[in-house]
Structure formats: C-alpha cells, structure tokens
PDB file of N, CA and C in Angstrom:
ATOM      1  N   UNK A   1      63.839 140.128 -46.847  1.00  0.00           N
ATOM      2  CA  UNK A   1      65.608 140.177 -46.099  1.00  0.00           C
ATOM      3  C   UNK A   1      65.362 138.727 -45.961  1.00  0.00           C
ATOM      4  N   UNK A   2      66.479 138.212 -46.768  1.00  0.00           N
ATOM      5  CA  UNK A   2      66.397 136.719 -46.609  1.00  0.00           C
ATOM      6  C   UNK A   2      67.983 136.793 -45.705  1.00  0.00           C
ATOM      7  N   UNK A   3      67.508 134.893 -45.220  1.00  0.00           N
ATOM      8  CA  UNK A   3      68.145 134.966 -43.425  1.00  0.00           C
ATOM      9  C   UNK A   3      69.081 133.901 -44.121  1.00  0.00           C
ATOM     10  N   UNK A   4      70.525 134.058 -42.853  1.00  0.00           N
ATOM     11  CA  UNK A   4      71.798 134.142 -43.116  1.00  0.00           C
ATOM     12  C   UNK A   4      72.124 132.438 -41.451  1.00  0.00           C
ATOM     13  N   UNK A   5      72.170 131.943 -41.771  1.00  0.00           N
ATOM     14  CA  UNK A   5      73.442 131.740 -40.125  1.00  0.00           C
ATOM     15  C   UNK A   5      74.869 131.308 -40.261  1.00  0.00           C
ATOM     16  N   UNK A   6      75.363 131.987 -40.114  1.00  0.00           N
ATOM     17  CA  UNK A   6      77.010 131.598 -39.548  1.00  0.00           C
ATOM     18  C   UNK A   6      77.499 131.688 -38.624  1.00  0.00           C
ATOM     19  N   UNK A   7      78.726 130.609 -38.762  1.00  0.00           N
ATOM     20  CA  UNK A   7      79.491 130.137 -37.088  1.00  0.00           C
ATOM     21  C   UNK A   7      80.402 129.508 -36.737  1.00  0.00           C
ATOM     22  N   UNK A   8      80.169 130.693 -35.482  1.00  0.00           N
ATOM     23  CA  UNK A   8      82.137 132.076 -35.170  1.00  0.00           C
ATOM     24  C   UNK A   8      82.685 130.660 -33.917  1.00  0.00           C
ATOM     25  N   UNK A   9      83.495 130.274 -33.764  1.00  0.00           N
ATOM     26  CA  UNK A   9      84.023 130.592 -33.054  1.00  0.00           C
ATOM     27  C   UNK A   9      84.350 131.031 -32.318  1.00  0.00           C
ATOM     28  N   UNK A  10      84.550 130.253 -31.284  1.00  0.00           N
ATOM     29  CA  UNK A  10      84.273 130.949 -29.305  1.00  0.00           C
ATOM     30  C   UNK A  10      84.474 133.153 -29.620  1.00  0.00           C
ATOM     31  N   UNK A  11      85.553 132.857 -29.471  1.00  0.00           N
ATOM     32  CA  UNK A  11      85.830 134.335 -29.309  1.00  0.00           C
ATOM     33  C   UNK A  11      85.727 135.672 -30.214  1.00  0.00           C
ATOM     34  N   UNK A  12      84.478 135.172 -31.649  1.00  0.00           N
ATOM     35  CA  UNK A  12      85.375 135.817 -32.590  1.00  0.00           C
ATOM     36  C   UNK A  12      82.954 135.976 -31.941  1.00  0.00           C
ATOM     37  N   UNK A  13      82.553 135.161 -31.487  1.00  0.00           N
ATOM     38  CA  UNK A  13      81.582 135.684 -31.481  1.00  0.00           C
ATOM     39  C   UNK A  13      81.426 136.853 -30.195  1.00  0.00           C
ATOM     40  N   UNK A  14      82.386 136.287 -29.157  1.00  0.00           N
ATOM     41  CA  UNK A  14      82.608 137.366 -27.808  1.00  0.00           C
ATOM     42  C   UNK A  14      82.768 138.327 -29.429  1.00  0.00           C
ATOM     43  N   UNK A  15      83.307 138.456 -29.686  1.00  0.00           N
ATOM     44  CA  UNK A  15      84.306 139.929 -29.900  1.00  0.00           C
ATOM     45  C   UNK A  15      82.707 140.812 -31.186  1.00  0.00           C
ATOM     46  N   UNK A  16      82.542 139.854 -31.383  1.00  0.00           N
ATOM     47  CA  UNK A  16      80.165 139.925 -32.141  1.00  0.00           C
ATOM     48  C   UNK A  16      79.665 141.035 -31.385  1.00  0.00           C
ATOM     49  N   UNK A  17      79.395 140.456 -30.258  1.00  0.00           N
ATOM     50  CA  UNK A  17      78.700 140.548 -29.364  1.00  0.00           C
ATOM     51  C   UNK A  17      79.556 142.326 -28.767  1.00  0.00           C
ATOM     52  N   UNK A  18      80.327 142.190 -27.799  1.00  0.00           N
ATOM     53  CA  UNK A  18      82.049 143.184 -27.099  1.00  0.00           C
ATOM     54  C   UNK A  18      81.773 144.504 -28.183  1.00  0.00           C
ATOM     55  N   UNK A  19      81.577 144.247 -30.046  1.00  0.00           N
ATOM     56  CA  UNK A  19      80.902 145.595 -30.676  1.00  0.00           C
ATOM     57  C   UNK A  19      80.046 145.749 -31.289  1.00  0.00           C
ATOM     58  N   UNK A  20      78.995 144.349 -31.131  1.00  0.00           N
ATOM     59  CA  UNK A  20      77.038 145.229 -30.924  1.00  0.00           C
ATOM     60  C   UNK A  20      76.681 146.363 -29.060  1.00  0.00           C
ATOM     61  N   UNK A  21      77.424 145.576 -28.134  1.00  0.00           N
ATOM     62  CA  UNK A  21      77.936 146.756 -27.041  1.00  0.00           C
ATOM     63  C   UNK A  21      78.180 147.890 -26.903  1.00  0.00           C
ATOM     64  N   UNK A  22      79.050 147.471 -27.512  1.00  0.00           N
ATOM     65  CA  UNK A  22      80.262 149.033 -27.815  1.00  0.00           C
ATOM     66  C   UNK A  22      79.496 149.687 -28.958  1.00  0.00           C
ATOM     67  N   UNK A  23      79.536 149.939 -29.295  1.00  0.00           N
ATOM     68  CA  UNK A  23      79.145 150.911 -30.671  1.00  0.00           C
ATOM     69  C   UNK A  23      76.943 150.737 -30.827  1.00  0.00           C
ATOM     70  N   UNK A  24      77.355 150.058 -29.950  1.00  0.00           N
ATOM     71  CA  UNK A  24      75.477 150.559 -30.015  1.00  0.00           C
ATOM     72  C   UNK A  24      75.061 150.274 -31.463  1.00  0.00           C
ATOM     73  N   UNK A  25      75.060 148.868 -31.304  1.00  0.00           N
ATOM     74  CA  UNK A  25      74.510 148.203 -32.309  1.00  0.00           C
ATOM     75  C   UNK A  25      73.319 147.525 -31.980  1.00  0.00           C
ATOM     76  N   UNK A  26      71.503 147.795 -32.727  1.00  0.00           N
ATOM     77  CA  UNK A  26      70.611 147.177 -31.830  1.00  0.00           C
ATOM     78  C   UNK A  26      71.039 145.504 -31.909  1.00  0.00           C
ATOM     79  N   UNK A  27      71.862 144.258 -32.820  1.00  0.00           N
ATOM     80  CA  UNK A  27      72.096 143.415 -32.371  1.00  0.00           C
ATOM     81  C   UNK A  27      73.206 142.532 -33.406  1.00  0.00           C
ATOM     82  N   UNK A  28      73.522 141.852 -33.886  1.00  0.00           N
ATOM     83  CA  UNK A  28      74.954 141.156 -33.987  1.00  0.00           C
ATOM     84  C   UNK A  28      74.129 141.314 -35.502  1.00  0.00           C
ATOM     85  N   UNK A  29      72.936 141.165 -36.029  1.00  0.00           N
ATOM     86  CA  UNK A  29      72.688 141.522 -37.511  1.00  0.00           C
ATOM     87  C   UNK A  29      73.334 142.495 -38.067  1.00  0.00           C
ATOM     88  N   UNK A  30      72.902 143.602 -36.689  1.00  0.00           N
ATOM     89  CA  UNK A  30      73.232 145.195 -37.937  1.00  0.00           C
ATOM     90  C   UNK A  30      75.015 145.061 -37.976  1.00  0.00           C
ATOM     91  N   UNK A  31      75.049 144.658 -37.187  1.00  0.00           N
ATOM     92  CA  UNK A  31      76.831 144.163 -36.457  1.00  0.00           C
ATOM     93  C   UNK A  31      76.956 144.184 -38.935  1.00  0.00           C
ATOM     94  N   UNK A  32      76.600 142.641 -38.470  1.00  0.00           N
ATOM     95  CA  UNK A  32      77.095 142.097 -39.951  1.00  0.00           C
ATOM     96  C   UNK A  32      76.461 143.051 -41.335  1.00  0.00           C
ATOM     97  N   UNK A  33      75.769 143.675 -40.991  1.00  0.00           N
ATOM     98  CA  UNK A  33      75.842 144.380 -42.446  1.00  0.00           C
ATOM     99  C   UNK A  33      76.519 145.250 -42.337  1.00  0.00           C
ATOM    100  N   UNK A  34      76.233 146.214 -41.678  1.00  0.00           N
ATOM    101  CA  UNK A  34      77.840 147.164 -41.712  1.00  0.00           C
ATOM    102  C   UNK A  34      78.837 147.044 -42.053  1.00  0.00           C
ATOM    103  N   UNK A  35      78.845 145.403 -41.342  1.00  0.00           N
ATOM    104  CA  UNK A  35      80.053 145.407 -42.499  1.00  0.00           C
ATOM    105  C   UNK A  35      80.905 145.467 -43.730  1.00  0.00           C
ATOM    106  N   UNK A  36      79.575 144.104 -43.597  1.00  0.00           N
ATOM    107  CA  UNK A  36      79.996 143.770 -45.376  1.00  0.00           C
ATOM    108  C   UNK A  36      79.681 145.448 -45.943  1.00  0.00           C
ATOM    109  N   UNK A  37      78.478 146.140 -45.737  1.00  0.00           N
ATOM    110  CA  UNK A  37      77.920 147.635 -46.680  1.00  0.00           C
ATOM    111  C   UNK A  37      79.968 148.320 -46.604  1.00  0.00           C
ATOM    112  N   UNK A  38      80.929 148.584 -46.041  1.00  0.00           N
ATOM    113  CA  UNK A  38      81.499 149.472 -45.504  1.00  0.00           C
ATOM    114  C   UNK A  38      82.578 148.205 -46.553  1.00  0.00           C
ATOM    115  N   UNK A  39      82.161 146.856 -46.355  1.00  0.00           N
ATOM    116  CA  UNK A  39      83.410 145.961 -47.315  1.00  0.00           C
ATOM    117  C   UNK A  39      83.326 145.992 -48.563  1.00  0.00           C
ATOM    118  N   UNK A  40      81.679 146.085 -48.240  1.00  0.00           N
ATOM    119  CA  UNK A  40      81.707 146.883 -50.514  1.00  0.00           C
ATOM    120  C   UNK A  40      81.776 147.551 -50.403  1.00  0.00           C
ATOM    121  N   UNK A  41      82.013 149.262 -49.637  1.00  0.00           N
ATOM    122  CA  UNK A  41      82.723 150.403 -50.607  1.00  0.00           C
ATOM    123  C   UNK A  41      84.364 150.207 -49.867  1.00  0.00           C
ATOM    124  N   UNK A  42      84.896 149.522 -49.624  1.00  0.00           N
ATOM    125  CA  UNK A  42      85.652 149.376 -49.815  1.00  0.00           C
ATOM    126  C   UNK A  42      86.698 148.887 -51.226  1.00  0.00           C
ATOM    127  N   UNK A  43      85.300 147.716 -51.659  1.00  0.00           N
ATOM    128  CA  UNK A  43      85.870 147.207 -53.249  1.00  0.00           C
ATOM    129  C   UNK A  43      85.359 147.876 -54.117  1.00  0.00           C
ATOM    130  N   UNK A  44      84.387 148.847 -54.257  1.00  0.00           N
ATOM    131  CA  UNK A  44      83.939 150.232 -54.901  1.00  0.00           C
ATOM    132  C   UNK A  44      84.869 150.831 -55.187  1.00  0.00           C
ATOM    133  N   UNK A  45      85.448 151.658 -53.492  1.00  0.00           N
ATOM    134  CA  UNK A  45      86.771 152.153 -53.704  1.00  0.00           C
ATOM    135  C   UNK A  45      87.923 151.956 -54.673  1.00  0.00           C
ATOM    136  N   UNK A  46      88.422 150.699 -54.840  1.00  0.00           N
ATOM    137  CA  UNK A  46      89.805 149.986 -54.745  1.00  0.00           C
ATOM    138  C   UNK A  46      88.787 149.776 -56.153  1.00  0.00           C
ATOM    139  N   UNK A  47      88.100 149.458 -57.001  1.00  0.00           N
ATOM    140  CA  UNK A  47      87.859 149.210 -59.040  1.00  0.00           C
ATOM    141  C   UNK A  47      87.853 150.763 -59.531  1.00  0.00           C
ATOM    142  N   UNK A  48      87.633 151.569 -57.992  1.00  0.00           N
ATOM    143  CA  UNK A  48      87.254 153.451 -58.987  1.00  0.00           C
ATOM    144  C   UNK A  48      89.040 153.093 -59.008  1.00  0.00           C
ATOM    145  N   UNK A  49      90.161 153.530 -57.870  1.00  0.00           N
ATOM    146  CA  UNK A  49      91.201 153.566 -58.251  1.00  0.00           C
ATOM    147  C   UNK A  49      92.656 152.687 -58.851  1.00  0.00           C
ATOM    148  N   UNK A  50      91.759 151.518 -59.034  1.00  0.00           N
ATOM    149  CA  UNK A  50      92.685 151.448 -60.573  1.00  0.00           C
ATOM    150  C   UNK A  50      91.627 151.674 -62.018  1.00  0.00           C
ATOM    151  N   UNK A  51      90.168 151.877 -62.004  1.00  0.00           N
ATOM    152  CA  UNK A  51      89.892 152.129 -62.726  1.00  0.00           C
ATOM    153  C   UNK A  51      90.608 154.055 -63.424  1.00  0.00           C
ATOM    154  N   UNK A  52      91.157 154.866 -62.092  1.00  0.00           N
ATOM    155  CA  UNK A  52      91.677 156.181 -62.870  1.00  0.00           C
ATOM    156  C   UNK A  52      93.566 154.848 -62.689  1.00  0.00           C
ATOM    157  N   UNK A  53      94.329 155.032 -62.339  1.00  0.00           N
ATOM    158  CA  UNK A  53      95.307 153.838 -62.559  1.00  0.00           C
ATOM    159  C   UNK A  53      95.473 153.531 -64.206  1.00  0.00           C
ATOM    160  N   UNK A  54      94.171 153.232 -64.760  1.00  0.00           N
ATOM    161  CA  UNK A  54      94.324 152.626 -65.589  1.00  0.00           C
ATOM    162  C   UNK A  54      93.834 153.251 -67.817  1.00  0.00           C
ATOM    163  N   UNK A  55      93.243 154.598 -66.732  1.00  0.00           N
ATOM    164  CA  UNK A  55      92.361 155.879 -67.081  1.00  0.00           C
ATOM    165  C   UNK A  55      93.886 156.348 -68.780  1.00  0.00           C
ATOM    166  N   UNK A  56      94.692 155.597 -68.126  1.00  0.00           N
ATOM    167  CA  UNK A  56      95.867 156.723 -68.338  1.00  0.00           C
ATOM    168  C   UNK A  56      97.454 157.650 -67.593  1.00  0.00           C
ATOM    169  N   UNK A  57      98.082 157.834 -68.556  1.00  0.00           N
ATOM    170  CA  UNK A  57      99.257 159.476 -67.943  1.00  0.00           C
ATOM    171  C   UNK A  57      97.593 160.456 -67.385  1.00  0.00           C
ATOM    172  N   UNK A  58      98.268 160.415 -65.884  1.00  0.00           N
ATOM    173  CA  UNK A  58      97.702 162.195 -65.180  1.00  0.00           C
ATOM    174  C   UNK A  58      97.751 163.440 -65.655  1.00  0.00           C
ATOM    175  N   UNK A  59      97.407 164.300 -66.423  1.00  0.00           N
ATOM    176  CA  UNK A  59      97.125 165.097 -66.505  1.00  0.00           C
ATOM    177  C   UNK A  59      97.709 166.922 -65.507  1.00  0.00           C
ATOM    178  N   UNK A  60      98.076 167.506 -65.113  1.00  0.00           N
ATOM    179  CA  UNK A  60      98.068 168.604 -65.132  1.00  0.00           C
ATOM    180  C   UNK A  60      97.098 169.395 -64.750  1.00  0.00           C
ATOM    181  N   UNK A  61      96.270 170.490 -63.573  1.00  0.00           N
ATOM    182  CA  UNK A  61      95.984 170.798 -64.372  1.00  0.00           C
ATOM    183  C   UNK A  61      96.141 172.174 -63.439  1.00  0.00           C
ATOM    184  N   UNK A  62      96.054 172.723 -64.651  1.00  0.00           N
ATOM    185  CA  UNK A  62      97.267 174.139 -64.908  1.00  0.00           C
ATOM    186  C   UNK A  62      95.850 175.500 -64.399  1.00  0.00           C
ATOM    187  N   UNK A  63      96.376 176.619 -63.450  1.00  0.00           N
ATOM    188  CA  UNK A  63      95.141 177.401 -63.973  1.00  0.00           C
ATOM    189  C   UNK A  63      94.873 178.097 -65.323  1.00  0.00           C
ATOM    190  N   UNK A  64      95.322 177.576 -66.389  1.00  0.00           N
ATOM    191  CA  UNK A  64      94.880 177.890 -67.664  1.00  0.00           C
ATOM    192  C   UNK A  64      93.534 176.439 -68.216  1.00  0.00           C
ATOM    193  N   UNK A  65      93.947 175.777 -67.415  1.00  0.00           N
ATOM    194  CA  UNK A  65      92.611 174.292 -67.800  1.00  0.00           C
ATOM    195  C   UNK A  65      91.661 174.801 -66.755  1.00  0.00           C
ATOM    196  N   UNK A  66      92.208 175.449 -65.535  1.00  0.00           N
ATOM    197  CA  UNK A  66      90.564 175.494 -64.727  1.00  0.00           C
ATOM    198  C   UNK A  66      89.930 177.020 -65.414  1.00  0.00           C
ATOM    199  N   UNK A  67      90.269 178.295 -66.281  1.00  0.00           N
ATOM    200  CA  UNK A  67      90.175 179.044 -66.928  1.00  0.00           C
ATOM    201  C   UNK A  67      89.691 179.021 -67.593  1.00  0.00           C
ATOM    202  N   UNK A  68      89.009 177.684 -68.472  1.00  0.00           N
ATOM    203  CA  UNK A  68      89.303 177.231 -69.133  1.00  0.00           C
ATOM    204  C   UNK A  68      87.268 176.353 -69.454  1.00  0.00           C
ATOM    205  N   UNK A  69      87.710 175.566 -68.113  1.00  0.00           N
ATOM    206  CA  UNK A  69      86.188 175.869 -67.418  1.00  0.00           C
ATOM    207  C   UNK A  69      85.234 176.508 -67.020  1.00  0.00           C
ATOM    208  N   UNK A  70      85.760 177.597 -66.326  1.00  0.00           N
ATOM    209  CA  UNK A  70      84.874 178.527 -65.748  1.00  0.00           C
ATOM    210  C   UNK A  70      84.623 179.317 -67.121  1.00  0.00           C
ATOM    211  N   UNK A  71      85.273 179.219 -68.694  1.00  0.00           N
ATOM    212  CA  UNK A  71      83.875 179.600 -69.660  1.00  0.00           C
ATOM    213  C   UNK A  71      83.446 178.323 -70.412  1.00  0.00           C
ATOM    214  N   UNK A  72      83.459 177.500 -70.286  1.00  0.00           N
ATOM    215  CA  UNK A  72      82.610 176.742 -70.195  1.00  0.00           C
ATOM    216  C   UNK A  72      81.531 176.980 -69.959  1.00  0.00           C
ATOM    217  N   UNK A  73      81.517 177.144 -68.425  1.00  0.00           N
ATOM    218  CA  UNK A  73      80.332 176.739 -67.211  1.00  0.00           C
ATOM    219  C   UNK A  73      79.844 178.006 -67.485  1.00  0.00           C
ATOM    220  N   UNK A  74      80.555 178.936 -67.893  1.00  0.00           N
ATOM    221  CA  UNK A  74      79.762 180.213 -67.785  1.00  0.00           C
ATOM    222  C   UNK A  74      78.776 180.480 -69.879  1.00  0.00           C
ATOM    223  N   UNK A  75      79.584 179.741 -70.698  1.00  0.00           N
ATOM    224  CA  UNK A  75      78.635 179.976 -71.745  1.00  0.00           C
ATOM    225  C   UNK A  75      77.636 178.658 -71.343  1.00  0.00           C
ATOM    226  N   UNK A  76      77.681 178.179 -71.358  1.00  0.00           N
ATOM    227  CA  UNK A  76      76.438 177.466 -70.810  1.00  0.00           C
ATOM    228  C   UNK A  76      75.446 177.427 -69.990  1.00  0.00           C
ATOM    229  N   UNK A  77      76.068 178.426 -69.291  1.00  0.00           N
ATOM    230  CA  UNK A  77      74.605 178.874 -68.487  1.00  0.00           C
ATOM    231  C   UNK A  77      74.593 180.234 -69.262  1.00  0.00           C
ATOM    232  N   UNK A  78      74.988 181.458 -70.374  1.00  0.00           N
ATOM    233  CA  UNK A  78      75.162 181.995 -70.667  1.00  0.00           C
ATOM    234  C   UNK A  78      73.104 181.360 -71.831  1.00  0.00           C
ATOM    235  N   UNK A  79      73.933 180.162 -72.414  1.00  0.00           N
ATOM    236  CA  UNK A  79      72.780 179.534 -73.062  1.00  0.00           C
ATOM    237  C   UNK A  79      70.799 179.112 -72.506  1.00  0.00           C
ATOM    238  N   UNK A  80      72.087 178.885 -70.704  1.00  0.00           N
ATOM    239  CA  UNK A  80      70.094 178.359 -70.693  1.00  0.00           C
ATOM    240  C   UNK A  80      69.491 179.014 -70.280  1.00  0.00           C
ATOM    241  N   UNK A  81      70.101 180.159 -69.921  1.00  0.00           N
ATOM    242  CA  UNK A  81      69.538 182.039 -68.963  1.00  0.00           C
ATOM    243  C   UNK A  81      68.232 182.039 -71.099  1.00  0.00           C
ATOM    244  N   UNK A  82      68.967 181.992 -72.475  1.00  0.00           N
ATOM    245  CA  UNK A  82      68.885 182.729 -73.443  1.00  0.00           C
ATOM    246  C   UNK A  82      67.752 181.561 -73.660  1.00  0.00           C
ATOM    247  N   UNK A  83      67.957 180.909 -73.710  1.00  0.00           N
ATOM    248  CA  UNK A  83      66.581 179.219 -73.676  1.00  0.00           C
ATOM    249  C   UNK A  83      65.394 179.249 -72.690  1.00  0.00           C
ATOM    250  N   UNK A  84      65.691 180.188 -72.342  1.00  0.00           N
ATOM    251  CA  UNK A  84      64.228 179.883 -70.650  1.00  0.00           C
ATOM    252  C   UNK A  84      63.862 181.197 -70.618  1.00  0.00           C
ATOM    253  N   UNK A  85      64.760 181.756 -71.300  1.00  0.00           N
ATOM    254  CA  UNK A  85      63.425 183.571 -72.319  1.00  0.00           C
ATOM    255  C   UNK A  85      63.833 183.832 -72.449  1.00  0.00           C
ATOM    256  N   UNK A  86      64.175 182.947 -74.368  1.00  0.00           N
ATOM    257  CA  UNK A  86      62.817 182.342 -74.934  1.00  0.00           C
ATOM    258  C   UNK A  86      61.117 181.334 -74.803  1.00  0.00           C
ATOM    259  N   UNK A  87      61.765 180.573 -74.252  1.00  0.00           N
ATOM    260  CA  UNK A  87      60.242 179.606 -73.971  1.00  0.00           C
ATOM    261  C   UNK A  87      59.642 181.005 -72.310  1.00  0.00           C
ATOM    262  N   UNK A  88      60.063 181.366 -72.510  1.00  0.00           N
ATOM    263  CA  UNK A  88      59.101 182.067 -71.222  1.00  0.00           C
ATOM    264  C   UNK A  88      58.385 183.774 -71.819  1.00  0.00           C
ATOM    265  N   UNK A  89      58.685 183.998 -73.581  1.00  0.00           N
ATOM    266  CA  UNK A  89      58.492 185.181 -74.078  1.00  0.00           C
ATOM    267  C   UNK A  89      57.711 184.342 -75.138  1.00  0.00           C
ATOM    268  N   UNK A  90      57.656 183.063 -74.693  1.00  0.00           N
ATOM    269  CA  UNK A  90      57.155 182.076 -76.009  1.00  0.00           C
ATOM    270  C   UNK A  90      55.286 182.081 -75.369  1.00  0.00           C
ATOM    271  N   UNK A  91      55.596 181.187 -73.395  1.00  0.00           N
ATOM    272  CA  UNK A  91      54.250 181.203 -73.110  1.00  0.00           C
ATOM    273  C   UNK A  91      53.380 182.735 -72.894  1.00  0.00           C
ATOM    274  N   UNK A  92      54.271 183.679 -72.838  1.00  0.00           N
ATOM    275  CA  UNK A  92      53.264 185.154 -73.186  1.00  0.00           C
ATOM    276  C   UNK A  92      52.786 185.172 -73.995  1.00  0.00           C
ATOM    277  N   UNK A  93      53.293 184.660 -74.565  1.00  0.00           N
ATOM    278  CA  UNK A  93      53.100 185.331 -76.306  1.00  0.00           C
ATOM    279  C   UNK A  93      51.655 184.504 -76.084  1.00  0.00           C
ATOM    280  N   UNK A  94      51.766 183.000 -76.455  1.00  0.00           N
ATOM    281  CA  UNK A  94      50.732 181.660 -76.052  1.00  0.00           C
ATOM    282  C   UNK A  94      49.333 182.776 -75.102  1.00  0.00           C
ATOM    283  N   UNK A  95      49.432 182.788 -73.739  1.00  0.00           N
ATOM    284  CA  UNK A  95      48.627 183.057 -72.599  1.00  0.00           C
ATOM    285  C   UNK A  95      48.433 184.616 -73.189  1.00  0.00           C
ATOM    286  N   UNK A  96      48.473 186.072 -74.325  1.00  0.00           N
ATOM    287  CA  UNK A  96      48.085 186.863 -74.743  1.00  0.00           C
ATOM    288  C   UNK A  96      47.448 186.319 -76.241  1.00  0.00           C
ATOM    289  N   UNK A  97      48.054 185.168 -77.008  1.00  0.00           N
ATOM    290  CA  UNK A  97      46.664 184.425 -77.724  1.00  0.00           C
ATOM    291  C   UNK A  97      45.206 184.824 -77.699  1.00  0.00           C
ATOM    292  N   UNK A  98      45.345 184.021 -76.890  1.00  0.00           N
ATOM    293  CA  UNK A  98      44.385 183.378 -75.750  1.00  0.00           C
ATOM    294  C   UNK A  98      43.703 184.132 -75.685  1.00  0.00           C
ATOM    295  N   UNK A  99      44.681 184.943 -74.944  1.00  0.00           N
ATOM    296  CA  UNK A  99      43.278 185.553 -73.519  1.00  0.00           C
ATOM    297  C   UNK A  99      42.307 186.923 -75.029  1.00  0.00           C
ATOM    298  N   UNK A 100      43.506 187.263 -75.848  1.00  0.00           N
ATOM    299  CA  UNK A 100      42.632 188.016 -76.775  1.00  0.00           C
ATOM    300  C   UNK A 100      41.296 187.209 -77.569  1.00  0.00           C
ATOM    301  N   UNK A 101      41.395 185.313 -77.492  1.00  0.00           N
ATOM    302  CA  UNK A 101      40.998 184.958 -78.532  1.00  0.00           C
ATOM    303  C   UNK A 101      39.984 185.149 -77.661  1.00  0.00           C
ATOM    304  N   UNK A 102      39.701 185.309 -76.036  1.00  0.00           N
ATOM    305  CA  UNK A 102      38.744 184.656 -76.025  1.00  0.00           C
ATOM    306  C   UNK A 102      37.853 186.130 -74.814  1.00  0.00           C
ATOM    307  N   UNK A 103      38.445 186.988 -75.212  1.00  0.00           N
ATOM    308  CA  UNK A 103      37.680 188.139 -75.660  1.00  0.00           C
ATOM    309  C   UNK A 103      36.756 188.413 -76.777  1.00  0.00           C
ATOM    310  N   UNK A 104      37.684 188.311 -77.467  1.00  0.00           N
ATOM    311  CA  UNK A 104      36.759 188.336 -79.306  1.00  0.00           C
ATOM    312  C   UNK A 104      35.706 187.340 -79.444  1.00  0.00           C
ATOM    313  N   UNK A 105      35.632 186.039 -78.856  1.00  0.00           N
ATOM    314  CA  UNK A 105      34.775 184.894 -78.809  1.00  0.00           C
ATOM    315  C   UNK A 105      33.763 185.089 -77.385  1.00  0.00           C
ATOM    316  N   UNK A 106      33.620 186.446 -76.470  1.00  0.00           N
ATOM    317  CA  UNK A 106      33.067 187.327 -75.343  1.00  0.00           C
ATOM    318  C   UNK A 106      32.214 188.083 -76.368  1.00  0.00           C
ATOM    319  N   UNK A 107      32.944 189.144 -77.091  1.00  0.00           N
ATOM    320  CA  UNK A 107      32.537 190.026 -78.041  1.00  0.00           C
ATOM    321  C   UNK A 107      31.356 189.414 -78.969  1.00  0.00           C
ATOM    322  N   UNK A 108      31.265 187.707 -79.434  1.00  0.00           N
ATOM    323  CA  UNK A 108      30.534 188.062 -80.822  1.00  0.00           C
ATOM    324  C   UNK A 108      29.764 186.883 -79.779  1.00  0.00           C
TER     325      UNK A 108
END
C-alpha cells in the first residue's frame, strides 16, 4: 500500500477526527479510503446513467415482453437439460464399456 500525505485546515482536520470517532473508523486513513471508495462508486454510477441515456430511447417492457423472456429461458433450460442427459448417458455407456472390458480381461 502506498502512503500519501495531505494538508488540511484545522477545521477540516477536526471534522475528520470527529468522523473517525463518531463513525467508529480505526483511524483517519480508513475514513479517507471510505470517502474515496464512495466517490469511485458515485463516478461509476454516473457513468452507467450516462451510458443508459446515450443508448437510445427507452423501450417499454410489456407483459408480452416478459412472456417472451420466460419462453427464452425455458427453451435454454430445456436445451441444458437435454445436454446434461446426453452427457450422463454417454458417461454411463463409457463406464459400462469399461466394466465389460475389465470383466473380459479378467476372464482370459
């Protein structure tokens, strides 16, 4: 972790000290890191809002839209279930073939 020194007027220093005591920060560094994290989050939020505004006109989400989304999800889940079933079947055939091979080898 890098160290940074800052200069504050007496009033600001008193304010920081009060915040550390009142909000149960361990020290002024913890308080400053928290302020910076909050400022970063605020900047990310602003960027997301601007990106949304620049993405074009809003589209109303109707019950039909949600019905379509549910259908897409159900279809994807169906495909995943089929794929999982096929994989399990393939593993079972492979295991069965290995068992037969082992029994034949033991018999000879």
